[in-house]
N, C-alpha and C. Protein backbone atom coordinates (compact mmCIF):
# COMPACT_ATOMS: atom_id res chain seq x y z
N MET A 1 163.67 177.35 -35.17
CA MET A 1 163.75 176.51 -34.00
C MET A 1 163.19 175.13 -34.31
N THR A 2 163.92 174.20 -33.82
CA THR A 2 163.46 172.84 -34.03
C THR A 2 162.77 172.34 -32.76
N ARG A 3 161.75 171.60 -32.96
CA ARG A 3 161.02 171.03 -31.81
C ARG A 3 161.55 169.63 -31.53
N ARG A 4 161.73 169.39 -30.30
CA ARG A 4 162.23 168.08 -29.87
C ARG A 4 161.04 167.16 -29.66
N ARG A 5 161.03 166.00 -30.32
CA ARG A 5 159.89 165.09 -30.24
C ARG A 5 160.17 163.84 -29.42
N ALA A 6 161.36 163.51 -29.10
CA ALA A 6 161.68 162.27 -28.40
C ALA A 6 162.60 162.55 -27.22
N MET A 7 162.71 161.53 -26.35
CA MET A 7 163.60 161.64 -25.19
C MET A 7 164.97 161.13 -25.59
N THR A 8 165.95 161.67 -24.92
CA THR A 8 167.30 161.17 -25.19
C THR A 8 167.51 159.88 -24.42
N LEU A 9 168.52 159.17 -24.80
CA LEU A 9 168.83 157.90 -24.13
C LEU A 9 169.18 158.12 -22.66
N ILE A 10 169.85 159.18 -22.33
CA ILE A 10 170.22 159.49 -20.94
C ILE A 10 168.95 159.73 -20.11
N GLU A 11 168.02 160.48 -20.63
CA GLU A 11 166.78 160.74 -19.90
C GLU A 11 166.01 159.43 -19.66
N LEU A 12 165.98 158.59 -20.64
CA LEU A 12 165.30 157.30 -20.50
C LEU A 12 165.96 156.43 -19.44
N LEU A 13 167.29 156.38 -19.39
CA LEU A 13 168.00 155.61 -18.38
C LEU A 13 167.77 156.17 -16.97
N VAL A 14 167.72 157.48 -16.84
CA VAL A 14 167.47 158.11 -15.53
C VAL A 14 166.07 157.74 -15.04
N VAL A 15 165.08 157.79 -15.90
CA VAL A 15 163.71 157.46 -15.52
C VAL A 15 163.59 155.97 -15.15
N LEU A 16 164.23 155.11 -15.93
CA LEU A 16 164.19 153.68 -15.63
C LEU A 16 164.88 153.36 -14.30
N SER A 17 166.02 153.96 -14.03
CA SER A 17 166.71 153.67 -12.77
C SER A 17 165.93 154.21 -11.58
N ALA A 18 165.30 155.37 -11.72
CA ALA A 18 164.46 155.90 -10.63
C ALA A 18 163.26 154.98 -10.40
N SER A 19 162.67 154.50 -11.47
CA SER A 19 161.52 153.58 -11.34
C SER A 19 161.94 152.29 -10.67
N MET A 20 163.09 151.73 -11.04
CA MET A 20 163.58 150.50 -10.41
C MET A 20 163.83 150.71 -8.92
N PHE A 21 164.39 151.84 -8.56
CA PHE A 21 164.66 152.14 -7.15
C PHE A 21 163.35 152.20 -6.36
N ILE A 22 162.35 152.87 -6.91
CA ILE A 22 161.05 152.99 -6.24
C ILE A 22 160.37 151.63 -6.13
N LEU A 23 160.43 150.82 -7.18
CA LEU A 23 159.83 149.49 -7.15
C LEU A 23 160.53 148.57 -6.14
N THR A 24 161.86 148.68 -6.06
CA THR A 24 162.60 147.87 -5.09
C THR A 24 162.21 148.22 -3.67
N LEU A 25 162.11 149.50 -3.36
CA LEU A 25 161.69 149.92 -2.02
C LEU A 25 160.26 149.47 -1.73
N SER A 26 159.40 149.59 -2.71
CA SER A 26 158.00 149.18 -2.53
C SER A 26 157.91 147.67 -2.26
N ALA A 27 158.65 146.88 -3.01
CA ALA A 27 158.62 145.43 -2.82
C ALA A 27 159.13 145.06 -1.43
N LYS A 28 160.17 145.74 -0.98
CA LYS A 28 160.71 145.46 0.35
C LYS A 28 159.69 145.81 1.44
N LEU A 29 159.03 146.95 1.29
CA LEU A 29 158.02 147.36 2.27
C LEU A 29 156.84 146.39 2.28
N ILE A 30 156.41 145.95 1.10
CA ILE A 30 155.30 145.01 1.03
C ILE A 30 155.69 143.69 1.68
N HIS A 31 156.92 143.22 1.44
CA HIS A 31 157.39 141.98 2.06
C HIS A 31 157.43 142.11 3.58
N GLN A 32 157.91 143.23 4.08
CA GLN A 32 157.95 143.44 5.53
C GLN A 32 156.54 143.48 6.13
N ALA A 33 155.61 144.12 5.42
CA ALA A 33 154.24 144.19 5.91
C ALA A 33 153.60 142.80 5.93
N MET A 34 153.86 142.00 4.90
CA MET A 34 153.32 140.64 4.87
C MET A 34 153.92 139.78 5.96
N ARG A 35 155.21 139.92 6.21
CA ARG A 35 155.89 139.16 7.27
C ARG A 35 155.35 139.56 8.64
N SER A 36 155.15 140.85 8.84
CA SER A 36 154.60 141.34 10.10
C SER A 36 153.18 140.79 10.32
N HIS A 37 152.39 140.76 9.26
CA HIS A 37 151.04 140.22 9.35
C HIS A 37 151.08 138.73 9.71
N GLN A 38 151.98 137.99 9.09
CA GLN A 38 152.11 136.55 9.37
C GLN A 38 152.53 136.31 10.82
N ASP A 39 153.50 137.08 11.31
CA ASP A 39 153.97 136.93 12.69
C ASP A 39 152.86 137.27 13.68
N THR A 40 152.14 138.34 13.41
CA THR A 40 151.05 138.75 14.30
C THR A 40 149.95 137.70 14.31
N ARG A 41 149.64 137.16 13.15
CA ARG A 41 148.61 136.13 13.07
C ARG A 41 149.01 134.88 13.85
N ALA A 42 150.28 134.46 13.72
CA ALA A 42 150.75 133.29 14.46
C ALA A 42 150.67 133.53 15.97
N PHE A 43 151.07 134.72 16.41
CA PHE A 43 151.03 135.04 17.83
C PHE A 43 149.59 135.06 18.34
N LEU A 44 148.68 135.68 17.58
CA LEU A 44 147.29 135.73 18.01
C LEU A 44 146.64 134.35 18.00
N ASP A 45 147.00 133.50 17.05
CA ASP A 45 146.48 132.13 17.04
C ASP A 45 146.93 131.38 18.29
N LEU A 46 148.19 131.54 18.66
CA LEU A 46 148.71 130.89 19.86
C LEU A 46 148.02 131.44 21.10
N GLU A 47 147.81 132.74 21.15
CA GLU A 47 147.13 133.35 22.29
C GLU A 47 145.68 132.87 22.39
N ARG A 48 145.00 132.78 21.27
CA ARG A 48 143.62 132.31 21.25
C ARG A 48 143.55 130.84 21.69
N THR A 49 144.49 130.03 21.22
CA THR A 49 144.52 128.62 21.61
C THR A 49 144.77 128.48 23.11
N ALA A 50 145.69 129.28 23.65
CA ALA A 50 145.98 129.24 25.08
C ALA A 50 144.76 129.67 25.90
N ALA A 51 144.04 130.67 25.45
CA ALA A 51 142.84 131.12 26.17
C ALA A 51 141.75 130.05 26.13
N ARG A 52 141.59 129.42 24.98
CA ARG A 52 140.59 128.35 24.83
C ARG A 52 140.94 127.16 25.73
N LEU A 53 142.24 126.78 25.75
CA LEU A 53 142.70 125.69 26.61
C LEU A 53 142.47 126.03 28.08
N SER A 54 142.82 127.22 28.47
CA SER A 54 142.66 127.65 29.86
C SER A 54 141.20 127.57 30.29
N HIS A 55 140.31 128.10 29.47
CA HIS A 55 138.88 128.08 29.80
C HIS A 55 138.35 126.66 29.90
N ARG A 56 138.71 125.83 28.93
CA ARG A 56 138.21 124.45 28.88
C ARG A 56 138.74 123.62 30.06
N PHE A 57 140.03 123.77 30.37
CA PHE A 57 140.63 123.01 31.47
C PHE A 57 139.98 123.40 32.80
N ARG A 58 139.81 124.69 33.05
CA ARG A 58 139.17 125.13 34.29
C ARG A 58 137.75 124.57 34.40
N GLU A 59 137.01 124.65 33.31
CA GLU A 59 135.65 124.15 33.31
C GLU A 59 135.62 122.65 33.61
N ASP A 60 136.50 121.88 32.99
CA ASP A 60 136.54 120.43 33.21
C ASP A 60 136.93 120.08 34.63
N VAL A 61 137.92 120.77 35.19
CA VAL A 61 138.37 120.47 36.56
C VAL A 61 137.28 120.82 37.55
N ARG A 62 136.60 121.93 37.35
CA ARG A 62 135.54 122.32 38.28
C ARG A 62 134.38 121.34 38.28
N ARG A 63 134.11 120.71 37.14
CA ARG A 63 133.02 119.74 37.06
C ARG A 63 133.44 118.35 37.53
N ALA A 64 134.73 118.08 37.57
CA ALA A 64 135.22 116.74 37.94
C ALA A 64 135.11 116.52 39.45
N THR A 65 134.95 115.24 39.81
CA THR A 65 134.91 114.89 41.23
C THR A 65 136.25 114.35 41.71
N SER A 66 137.07 113.85 40.77
CA SER A 66 138.41 113.39 41.13
C SER A 66 139.34 113.54 39.94
N ALA A 67 140.63 113.57 40.26
CA ALA A 67 141.65 113.70 39.21
C ALA A 67 142.74 112.67 39.47
N VAL A 68 143.17 112.00 38.40
CA VAL A 68 144.23 111.01 38.49
C VAL A 68 145.33 111.44 37.53
N SER A 69 146.53 111.66 38.07
CA SER A 69 147.66 112.05 37.21
C SER A 69 148.59 110.86 37.04
N ALA A 70 149.57 111.03 36.18
CA ALA A 70 150.53 109.95 35.91
C ALA A 70 151.34 109.62 37.16
N ASP A 71 151.45 110.55 38.12
CA ASP A 71 152.15 110.28 39.37
C ASP A 71 151.35 109.36 40.29
N ASP A 72 150.02 109.41 40.16
CA ASP A 72 149.15 108.64 41.05
C ASP A 72 148.96 107.20 40.58
N ALA A 73 148.76 107.01 39.30
CA ALA A 73 148.45 105.68 38.76
C ALA A 73 148.93 105.61 37.32
N PRO A 74 149.17 104.41 36.82
CA PRO A 74 149.57 104.30 35.41
C PRO A 74 148.41 104.72 34.50
N LEU A 75 148.73 105.58 33.54
CA LEU A 75 147.74 106.08 32.59
C LEU A 75 148.15 105.65 31.19
N PRO A 76 147.22 105.67 30.24
CA PRO A 76 147.58 105.35 28.87
C PRO A 76 148.71 106.25 28.36
N ASP A 77 149.42 105.78 27.36
CA ASP A 77 150.58 106.50 26.82
C ASP A 77 150.20 107.91 26.38
N GLY A 78 150.95 108.89 26.85
CA GLY A 78 150.74 110.28 26.46
C GLY A 78 149.71 111.03 27.27
N VAL A 79 148.97 110.35 28.15
CA VAL A 79 147.93 110.99 28.95
C VAL A 79 148.57 111.59 30.20
N LEU A 80 148.27 112.88 30.44
CA LEU A 80 148.82 113.58 31.60
C LEU A 80 147.91 113.48 32.81
N VAL A 81 146.60 113.59 32.57
CA VAL A 81 145.65 113.57 33.68
C VAL A 81 144.30 113.04 33.18
N GLN A 82 143.61 112.34 34.09
CA GLN A 82 142.23 111.91 33.85
C GLN A 82 141.35 112.60 34.88
N LEU A 83 140.34 113.28 34.40
CA LEU A 83 139.37 113.94 35.28
C LEU A 83 138.10 113.12 35.24
N ARG A 84 137.69 112.64 36.41
CA ARG A 84 136.51 111.79 36.48
C ARG A 84 135.36 112.55 37.10
N SER A 85 134.22 112.43 36.49
CA SER A 85 133.03 113.09 37.02
C SER A 85 132.02 112.03 37.41
N SER A 86 130.88 112.47 37.87
CA SER A 86 129.85 111.51 38.30
C SER A 86 129.47 110.61 37.13
N GLY A 87 129.20 109.38 37.43
CA GLY A 87 128.90 108.42 36.39
C GLY A 87 130.19 107.85 35.83
N SER A 88 130.17 107.51 34.57
CA SER A 88 131.36 106.90 33.97
C SER A 88 132.08 107.85 33.02
N ARG A 89 131.84 109.14 33.14
CA ARG A 89 132.50 110.13 32.27
C ARG A 89 133.93 110.38 32.73
N ILE A 90 134.84 110.34 31.76
CA ILE A 90 136.25 110.62 32.01
C ILE A 90 136.72 111.60 30.95
N ILE A 91 137.46 112.60 31.37
CA ILE A 91 138.07 113.53 30.44
C ILE A 91 139.57 113.39 30.59
N GLU A 92 140.25 113.09 29.49
CA GLU A 92 141.70 112.92 29.48
C GLU A 92 142.36 114.09 28.78
N TYR A 93 143.46 114.54 29.36
CA TYR A 93 144.32 115.53 28.72
C TYR A 93 145.66 114.85 28.47
N GLY A 94 146.10 114.87 27.22
CA GLY A 94 147.37 114.26 26.86
C GLY A 94 148.11 115.13 25.87
N GLU A 95 149.42 114.91 25.78
CA GLU A 95 150.26 115.71 24.89
C GLU A 95 151.03 114.80 23.95
N ARG A 96 151.06 115.20 22.68
CA ARG A 96 151.84 114.47 21.69
C ARG A 96 152.17 115.41 20.54
N ASP A 97 153.45 115.49 20.21
CA ASP A 97 153.94 116.26 19.05
C ASP A 97 153.46 117.71 19.04
N GLY A 98 153.54 118.38 20.17
CA GLY A 98 153.20 119.80 20.23
C GLY A 98 151.72 120.10 20.26
N THR A 99 150.90 119.07 20.43
CA THR A 99 149.46 119.27 20.50
C THR A 99 148.94 118.67 21.80
N LEU A 100 148.18 119.46 22.52
CA LEU A 100 147.53 119.00 23.74
C LEU A 100 146.13 118.55 23.33
N ARG A 101 145.78 117.32 23.65
CA ARG A 101 144.50 116.76 23.21
C ARG A 101 143.60 116.50 24.42
N ARG A 102 142.37 116.98 24.31
CA ARG A 102 141.34 116.73 25.31
C ARG A 102 140.39 115.70 24.71
N THR A 103 140.20 114.58 25.44
CA THR A 103 139.31 113.52 24.97
C THR A 103 138.28 113.25 26.06
N GLU A 104 137.03 113.29 25.66
CA GLU A 104 135.93 113.01 26.61
C GLU A 104 135.41 111.61 26.31
N LEU A 105 135.41 110.77 27.34
CA LEU A 105 135.02 109.37 27.19
C LEU A 105 133.85 109.04 28.10
N GLU A 106 133.03 108.11 27.65
CA GLU A 106 132.02 107.52 28.53
C GLU A 106 132.16 106.02 28.34
N GLY A 107 132.74 105.37 29.34
CA GLY A 107 133.10 103.97 29.19
C GLY A 107 134.25 103.87 28.19
N ASP A 108 134.08 103.08 27.15
CA ASP A 108 135.10 102.97 26.09
C ASP A 108 134.76 103.83 24.88
N LYS A 109 133.63 104.51 24.92
CA LYS A 109 133.17 105.29 23.78
C LYS A 109 133.70 106.73 23.87
N ILE A 110 134.30 107.20 22.76
CA ILE A 110 134.80 108.58 22.70
C ILE A 110 133.64 109.49 22.33
N LEU A 111 133.35 110.45 23.21
CA LEU A 111 132.27 111.40 22.95
C LEU A 111 132.74 112.60 22.16
N SER A 112 133.93 113.11 22.50
CA SER A 112 134.45 114.27 21.78
C SER A 112 135.96 114.36 21.94
N ARG A 113 136.57 115.06 20.99
CA ARG A 113 138.01 115.34 21.03
C ARG A 113 138.20 116.81 20.70
N ASP A 114 139.17 117.39 21.35
CA ASP A 114 139.51 118.78 21.09
C ASP A 114 141.03 118.89 21.10
N ASP A 115 141.61 119.39 20.03
CA ASP A 115 143.06 119.54 19.93
C ASP A 115 143.45 121.00 20.11
N PHE A 116 144.51 121.21 20.88
CA PHE A 116 145.07 122.54 21.10
C PHE A 116 146.49 122.53 20.56
N ALA A 117 146.67 123.04 19.34
CA ALA A 117 147.99 123.04 18.69
C ALA A 117 148.84 124.15 19.29
N LEU A 118 149.89 123.78 20.00
CA LEU A 118 150.76 124.74 20.67
C LEU A 118 152.15 124.81 20.06
N GLY A 119 152.41 124.02 19.05
CA GLY A 119 153.69 124.08 18.35
C GLY A 119 154.72 123.10 18.90
N PRO A 120 155.82 122.97 18.17
CA PRO A 120 156.87 122.02 18.59
C PRO A 120 157.59 122.49 19.84
N GLY A 121 158.15 121.53 20.57
CA GLY A 121 158.95 121.86 21.76
C GLY A 121 158.12 122.17 22.99
N VAL A 122 156.87 121.76 23.02
CA VAL A 122 155.99 122.05 24.15
C VAL A 122 156.23 121.02 25.25
N SER A 123 156.25 121.51 26.48
CA SER A 123 156.38 120.65 27.64
C SER A 123 155.16 120.89 28.54
N CYS A 124 154.46 119.83 28.90
CA CYS A 124 153.25 119.94 29.72
C CYS A 124 153.42 119.17 31.02
N GLU A 125 152.96 119.75 32.10
CA GLU A 125 153.01 119.10 33.41
C GLU A 125 151.69 119.34 34.12
N VAL A 126 151.27 118.35 34.90
CA VAL A 126 150.06 118.47 35.70
C VAL A 126 150.45 118.29 37.15
N GLY A 127 149.98 119.17 38.01
CA GLY A 127 150.24 119.08 39.44
C GLY A 127 148.93 119.07 40.20
N ARG A 128 148.99 118.52 41.40
CA ARG A 128 147.80 118.47 42.25
C ARG A 128 148.14 118.89 43.66
N ARG A 129 147.19 119.52 44.31
CA ARG A 129 147.30 119.83 45.72
C ARG A 129 146.04 119.32 46.39
N GLU A 130 146.19 118.82 47.58
CA GLU A 130 145.05 118.21 48.27
C GLU A 130 144.23 119.21 49.07
N SER A 131 144.89 120.19 49.67
CA SER A 131 144.14 121.10 50.53
C SER A 131 144.49 122.54 50.18
N PRO A 132 143.64 123.26 49.56
CA PRO A 132 142.39 122.87 48.93
C PRO A 132 142.65 122.03 47.68
N ALA A 133 141.63 121.31 47.26
CA ALA A 133 141.80 120.40 46.10
C ALA A 133 141.94 121.21 44.82
N LEU A 134 143.18 121.31 44.36
CA LEU A 134 143.48 122.08 43.13
C LEU A 134 144.21 121.20 42.14
N VAL A 135 143.97 121.44 40.87
CA VAL A 135 144.70 120.80 39.79
C VAL A 135 145.25 121.91 38.92
N ASP A 136 146.55 121.83 38.61
CA ASP A 136 147.08 122.86 37.73
C ASP A 136 147.81 122.23 36.55
N LEU A 137 147.71 122.91 35.42
CA LEU A 137 148.33 122.51 34.17
C LEU A 137 149.34 123.58 33.80
N THR A 138 150.59 123.18 33.58
CA THR A 138 151.63 124.11 33.17
C THR A 138 152.13 123.71 31.80
N VAL A 139 152.07 124.64 30.86
CA VAL A 139 152.52 124.42 29.49
C VAL A 139 153.64 125.42 29.22
N THR A 140 154.80 124.92 28.80
CA THR A 140 155.93 125.81 28.50
C THR A 140 156.52 125.44 27.14
N ARG A 141 157.10 126.44 26.51
CA ARG A 141 157.83 126.23 25.27
C ARG A 141 158.87 127.34 25.17
N ALA A 142 160.11 126.95 24.94
CA ALA A 142 161.17 127.94 24.76
C ALA A 142 161.08 128.49 23.34
N ALA A 143 161.78 129.60 23.09
CA ALA A 143 161.85 130.14 21.74
C ALA A 143 162.46 129.08 20.82
N SER A 144 162.22 129.22 19.54
CA SER A 144 162.52 128.17 18.56
C SER A 144 163.89 127.54 18.70
N ASN A 145 164.95 128.31 18.65
CA ASN A 145 166.28 127.70 18.75
C ASN A 145 167.20 128.50 19.68
N GLY A 146 166.61 129.36 20.46
CA GLY A 146 167.40 130.14 21.40
C GLY A 146 168.17 131.27 20.74
N SER A 147 167.97 131.48 19.44
CA SER A 147 168.71 132.54 18.77
C SER A 147 168.03 133.88 19.03
N PRO A 148 168.80 134.94 19.06
CA PRO A 148 168.21 136.25 19.30
C PRO A 148 167.56 136.84 18.05
N ASP A 149 167.47 136.05 16.99
CA ASP A 149 166.89 136.51 15.74
C ASP A 149 165.43 136.89 15.98
N VAL A 150 165.08 138.12 15.63
CA VAL A 150 163.73 138.62 15.87
C VAL A 150 162.71 137.86 15.03
N ALA A 151 163.06 137.53 13.81
CA ALA A 151 162.13 136.82 12.94
C ALA A 151 161.81 135.44 13.50
N ALA A 152 162.81 134.73 14.00
CA ALA A 152 162.60 133.40 14.57
C ALA A 152 161.74 133.50 15.84
N PHE A 153 161.95 134.55 16.63
CA PHE A 153 161.18 134.76 17.85
C PHE A 153 159.72 135.00 17.51
N ALA A 154 159.47 135.81 16.48
CA ALA A 154 158.09 136.15 16.14
C ALA A 154 157.35 134.95 15.57
N LEU A 155 158.02 134.11 14.79
CA LEU A 155 157.35 132.95 14.22
C LEU A 155 157.11 131.85 15.25
N ASP A 156 157.93 131.77 16.27
CA ASP A 156 157.82 130.73 17.28
C ASP A 156 158.07 131.35 18.65
N PRO A 157 157.12 132.17 19.16
CA PRO A 157 157.37 132.87 20.42
C PRO A 157 157.39 131.90 21.60
N PRO A 158 158.10 132.25 22.67
CA PRO A 158 158.08 131.40 23.85
C PRO A 158 156.69 131.41 24.48
N LEU A 159 156.39 130.36 25.20
CA LEU A 159 155.06 130.23 25.79
C LEU A 159 155.21 129.75 27.22
N ARG A 160 154.47 130.37 28.11
CA ARG A 160 154.39 129.92 29.50
C ARG A 160 152.95 130.14 29.94
N LEU A 161 152.25 129.04 30.15
CA LEU A 161 150.85 129.09 30.53
C LEU A 161 150.66 128.22 31.77
N ARG A 162 150.03 128.78 32.78
CA ARG A 162 149.73 128.01 33.99
C ARG A 162 148.25 128.21 34.30
N VAL A 163 147.53 127.10 34.32
CA VAL A 163 146.09 127.12 34.58
C VAL A 163 145.85 126.35 35.87
N GLU A 164 145.16 126.98 36.80
CA GLU A 164 144.87 126.36 38.09
C GLU A 164 143.37 126.41 38.32
N ALA A 165 142.80 125.30 38.77
CA ALA A 165 141.36 125.26 39.02
C ALA A 165 141.06 124.38 40.22
N GLY A 166 139.96 124.71 40.90
CA GLY A 166 139.52 123.95 42.05
C GLY A 166 138.73 122.73 41.63
N LEU A 167 139.10 121.58 42.17
CA LEU A 167 138.43 120.32 41.85
C LEU A 167 137.04 120.31 42.46
N ALA A 168 136.06 119.91 41.68
CA ALA A 168 134.65 119.82 42.13
C ALA A 168 134.16 121.16 42.66
N ALA A 169 134.55 122.24 42.01
CA ALA A 169 134.16 123.57 42.46
C ALA A 169 133.44 124.30 41.34
N ASP A 170 132.38 123.71 40.83
CA ASP A 170 131.61 124.33 39.75
C ASP A 170 130.74 125.42 40.36
N PHE A 171 131.22 126.63 40.28
CA PHE A 171 130.56 127.75 40.95
C PHE A 171 129.28 128.18 40.24
N ARG A 172 129.13 127.81 38.99
CA ARG A 172 127.94 128.24 38.26
C ARG A 172 126.68 127.56 38.80
N HIS A 173 126.81 126.37 39.36
CA HIS A 173 125.65 125.63 39.82
C HIS A 173 125.50 125.68 41.35
N ALA A 174 126.35 126.43 42.02
CA ALA A 174 126.25 126.54 43.48
C ALA A 174 125.11 127.49 43.83
N PRO A 175 124.40 127.22 44.91
CA PRO A 175 123.33 128.13 45.31
C PRO A 175 123.92 129.47 45.74
N PRO A 176 123.20 130.54 45.51
CA PRO A 176 123.74 131.84 45.91
C PRO A 176 123.87 131.91 47.42
N SER A 177 124.94 132.57 47.87
CA SER A 177 125.15 132.67 49.32
C SER A 177 124.20 133.70 49.90
N LEU A 178 123.71 133.39 51.08
CA LEU A 178 122.79 134.30 51.75
C LEU A 178 123.57 135.33 52.53
N PRO A 179 123.06 136.54 52.60
CA PRO A 179 123.78 137.55 53.38
C PRO A 179 123.80 137.18 54.86
N ARG A 180 124.90 137.53 55.52
CA ARG A 180 125.01 137.24 56.95
C ARG A 180 124.06 138.14 57.73
N GLU A 181 123.47 137.55 58.74
CA GLU A 181 122.59 138.35 59.60
C GLU A 181 123.44 138.97 60.70
N GLU A 182 123.12 140.18 60.98
CA GLU A 182 123.84 140.91 62.02
C GLU A 182 123.48 140.33 63.38
N ALA A 183 124.46 140.07 64.21
CA ALA A 183 124.22 139.57 65.56
C ALA A 183 123.74 140.73 66.43
N GLU A 184 122.68 140.51 67.17
CA GLU A 184 122.16 141.59 68.01
C GLU A 184 122.60 141.45 69.42
């Protein structure tokens, strides 16, 4: 009996083709996992930015004593609303190139800036109501190109955010309400 010491060419080709098939499937799965991670990260970043914007806008409106929108008076280019508080402090919200910018001013001096990157195609509107004194900010963005492509939707999801806050209604500094006394 002779002992076989090597593989035949057919066996080698079968092993190589099976290995290529397994590697191709693995690469495809890894690519899908990486794409899913990227899409999820983009969505969570947008959600975090929207939550940060919502919190900051409500806080600013509640501390403000008056609000001036582009409908009320001419404002600098790109500014949607100016929130004025006691003294000479002004907080401006403006939109340019998919970014909503919050600028805090005292006189002509810029105290701080905060950018909220919301992506291309963003539309921002500010509305006011007098009774009760409310200011609302509406931010919308359609899906990237209106295509039903799932990948395009995940990379550029539609956005609809509406933030409403009471003007000069800073509840954190209001005195606690006293319980009502029972009428005898």
